[in-house]
């Protein structure tokens, strides 16, 4: 799986989805997160970009794999504040 590099400008986004976990949620992020992302993308038009903000470091692999399998494009992954990762996903 290839995850886009952090170089270059930050992509413009049309929507934002934030998903923050607590200690009890460790290891369950993907099973909850990907349905939330799918639901939000269903509300968007093809070609629009969703910015996803997640505080689980395992999301980097999960979202990378999910985007490849779903056909949506992972444009970029950037660090956010603290443990937060920012993903930019273009809807297919």
C-alpha atoms as a PDB file:
ATOM      1  CA  UNK A   1       0.000   0.000   0.000  1.00  0.00           C
ATOM      2  CA  UNK A   2       1.313   3.439  -0.927  1.00  0.00           C
ATOM      3  CA  UNK A   3       0.391   6.340   1.333  1.00  0.00           C
ATOM      4  CA  UNK A   4       0.887   9.785  -0.193  1.00  0.00           C
ATOM      5  CA  UNK A   5       3.842  11.787   1.125  1.00  0.00           C
ATOM      6  CA  UNK A   6       3.367  14.789   3.412  1.00  0.00           C
ATOM      7  CA  UNK A   7       5.001  17.144   0.880  1.00  0.00           C
ATOM      8  CA  UNK A   8       3.209  19.748  -1.206  1.00  0.00           C
ATOM      9  CA  UNK A   9       0.191  21.882  -0.405  1.00  0.00           C
ATOM     10  CA  UNK A  10      -2.658  20.760   1.807  1.00  0.00           C
ATOM     11  CA  UNK A  11      -5.626  19.699  -0.359  1.00  0.00           C
ATOM     12  CA  UNK A  12      -8.771  21.801  -0.219  1.00  0.00           C
ATOM     13  CA  UNK A  13     -11.655  19.893   1.360  1.00  0.00           C
ATOM     14  CA  UNK A  14     -15.443  20.031   1.066  1.00  0.00           C
ATOM     15  CA  UNK A  15     -16.365  18.248   4.329  1.00  0.00           C
ATOM     16  CA  UNK A  16     -14.692  17.396   7.645  1.00  0.00           C
ATOM     17  CA  UNK A  17     -15.260  14.288   9.778  1.00  0.00           C
ATOM     18  CA  UNK A  18     -13.580  13.974  13.179  1.00  0.00           C
ATOM     19  CA  UNK A  19     -13.245  10.690  15.057  1.00  0.00           C
ATOM     20  CA  UNK A  20     -11.488  10.713  18.410  1.00  0.00           C
ATOM     21  CA  UNK A  21     -11.114   7.630  20.596  1.00  0.00           C
ATOM     22  CA  UNK A  22     -10.647   6.960  24.271  1.00  0.00           C
ATOM     23  CA  UNK A  23      -8.368   4.366  25.914  1.00  0.00           C
ATOM     24  CA  UNK A  24     -11.218   1.821  26.014  1.00  0.00           C
ATOM     25  CA  UNK A  25     -11.657   2.091  22.247  1.00  0.00           C
ATOM     26  CA  UNK A  26      -8.150   0.948  21.300  1.00  0.00           C
ATOM     27  CA  UNK A  27      -8.235  -1.586  18.482  1.00  0.00           C
ATOM     28  CA  UNK A  28     -11.857  -0.952  17.489  1.00  0.00           C
ATOM     29  CA  UNK A  29     -11.338   2.156  15.397  1.00  0.00           C
ATOM     30  CA  UNK A  30     -11.579   0.576  11.951  1.00  0.00           C
ATOM     31  CA  UNK A  31     -14.838  -1.263  12.681  1.00  0.00           C
ATOM     32  CA  UNK A  32     -16.502   2.029  13.634  1.00  0.00           C
ATOM     33  CA  UNK A  33     -14.574   4.510  11.512  1.00  0.00           C
ATOM     34  CA  UNK A  34     -14.991   3.080   8.018  1.00  0.00           C
ATOM     35  CA  UNK A  35     -18.828   2.911   8.227  1.00  0.00           C
ATOM     36  CA  UNK A  36     -18.793   6.558   9.387  1.00  0.00           C
ATOM     37  CA  UNK A  37     -16.578   7.545   6.456  1.00  0.00           C
ATOM     38  CA  UNK A  38     -18.811   5.617   4.022  1.00  0.00           C
ATOM     39  CA  UNK A  39     -21.915   7.345   5.381  1.00  0.00           C
ATOM     40  CA  UNK A  40     -20.354  10.797   5.029  1.00  0.00           C
ATOM     41  CA  UNK A  41     -19.076  10.079   1.509  1.00  0.00           C
ATOM     42  CA  UNK A  42     -22.572   8.956   0.441  1.00  0.00           C
ATOM     43  CA  UNK A  43     -23.746  12.505   1.220  1.00  0.00           C
ATOM     44  CA  UNK A  44     -21.026  14.009  -0.998  1.00  0.00           C
ATOM     45  CA  UNK A  45     -20.675  14.387  -4.761  1.00  0.00           C
ATOM     46  CA  UNK A  46     -18.143  12.464  -6.839  1.00  0.00           C
ATOM     47  CA  UNK A  47     -14.796  14.277  -6.827  1.00  0.00           C
ATOM     48  CA  UNK A  48     -15.395  16.107  -3.548  1.00  0.00           C
ATOM     49  CA  UNK A  49     -12.762  15.787  -0.812  1.00  0.00           C
ATOM     50  CA  UNK A  50     -13.381  14.695   2.764  1.00  0.00           C
ATOM     51  CA  UNK A  51     -10.898  15.675   5.451  1.00  0.00           C
ATOM     52  CA  UNK A  52     -10.855  12.998   8.136  1.00  0.00           C
ATOM     53  CA  UNK A  53      -9.243  13.770  11.511  1.00  0.00           C
ATOM     54  CA  UNK A  54      -8.429  10.752  13.681  1.00  0.00           C
ATOM     55  CA  UNK A  55      -6.350  10.315  16.841  1.00  0.00           C
ATOM     56  CA  UNK A  56      -5.672   6.589  16.446  1.00  0.00           C
ATOM     57  CA  UNK A  57      -2.229   5.906  14.879  1.00  0.00           C
ATOM     58  CA  UNK A  58      -3.500   2.592  13.473  1.00  0.00           C
ATOM     59  CA  UNK A  59      -5.879   4.555  11.254  1.00  0.00           C
ATOM     60  CA  UNK A  60      -2.989   5.289   8.873  1.00  0.00           C
ATOM     61  CA  UNK A  61      -2.924   1.656   7.726  1.00  0.00           C
ATOM     62  CA  UNK A  62      -6.693   1.149   8.063  1.00  0.00           C
ATOM     63  CA  UNK A  63      -7.685   4.162   5.973  1.00  0.00           C
ATOM     64  CA  UNK A  64      -4.981   3.445   3.399  1.00  0.00           C
ATOM     65  CA  UNK A  65      -6.264  -0.096   2.902  1.00  0.00           C
ATOM     66  CA  UNK A  66      -9.918   0.955   3.000  1.00  0.00           C
ATOM     67  CA  UNK A  67      -9.430   3.649   0.347  1.00  0.00           C
ATOM     68  CA  UNK A  68      -7.666   1.213  -1.974  1.00  0.00           C
ATOM     69  CA  UNK A  69     -10.438  -1.388  -1.545  1.00  0.00           C
ATOM     70  CA  UNK A  70     -13.297   1.117  -1.812  1.00  0.00           C
ATOM     71  CA  UNK A  71     -11.944   2.882  -4.899  1.00  0.00           C
ATOM     72  CA  UNK A  72     -11.803   6.276  -3.177  1.00  0.00           C
ATOM     73  CA  UNK A  73      -8.517   8.167  -3.473  1.00  0.00           C
ATOM     74  CA  UNK A  74      -6.384   8.900  -0.437  1.00  0.00           C
ATOM     75  CA  UNK A  75      -4.801  12.173  -1.528  1.00  0.00           C
ATOM     76  CA  UNK A  76      -2.637  12.941   1.469  1.00  0.00           C
ATOM     77  CA  UNK A  77      -1.982  12.157   5.134  1.00  0.00           C
ATOM     78  CA  UNK A  78      -0.757  14.999   7.340  1.00  0.00           C
ATOM     79  CA  UNK A  79      -0.008  15.287  11.031  1.00  0.00           C
ATOM     80  CA  UNK A  80      -2.488  17.365  13.006  1.00  0.00           C
ATOM     81  CA  UNK A  81      -2.308  18.696  16.531  1.00  0.00           C
ATOM     82  CA  UNK A  82      -0.956  16.212  19.074  1.00  0.00           C
ATOM     83  CA  UNK A  83      -1.725  12.621  18.093  1.00  0.00           C
ATOM     84  CA  UNK A  84      -4.212  13.609  15.378  1.00  0.00           C
ATOM     85  CA  UNK A  85      -3.710  12.504  11.768  1.00  0.00           C
ATOM     86  CA  UNK A  86      -5.446  14.315   8.912  1.00  0.00           C
ATOM     87  CA  UNK A  87      -6.518  12.253   5.888  1.00  0.00           C
ATOM     88  CA  UNK A  88      -7.774  13.786   2.637  1.00  0.00           C
ATOM     89  CA  UNK A  89      -9.997  11.386   0.702  1.00  0.00           C
ATOM     90  CA  UNK A  90     -11.471  12.122  -2.748  1.00  0.00           C
ATOM     91  CA  UNK A  91     -14.797  10.435  -3.372  1.00  0.00           C
ATOM     92  CA  UNK A  92     -14.826   8.208  -6.458  1.00  0.00           C
END
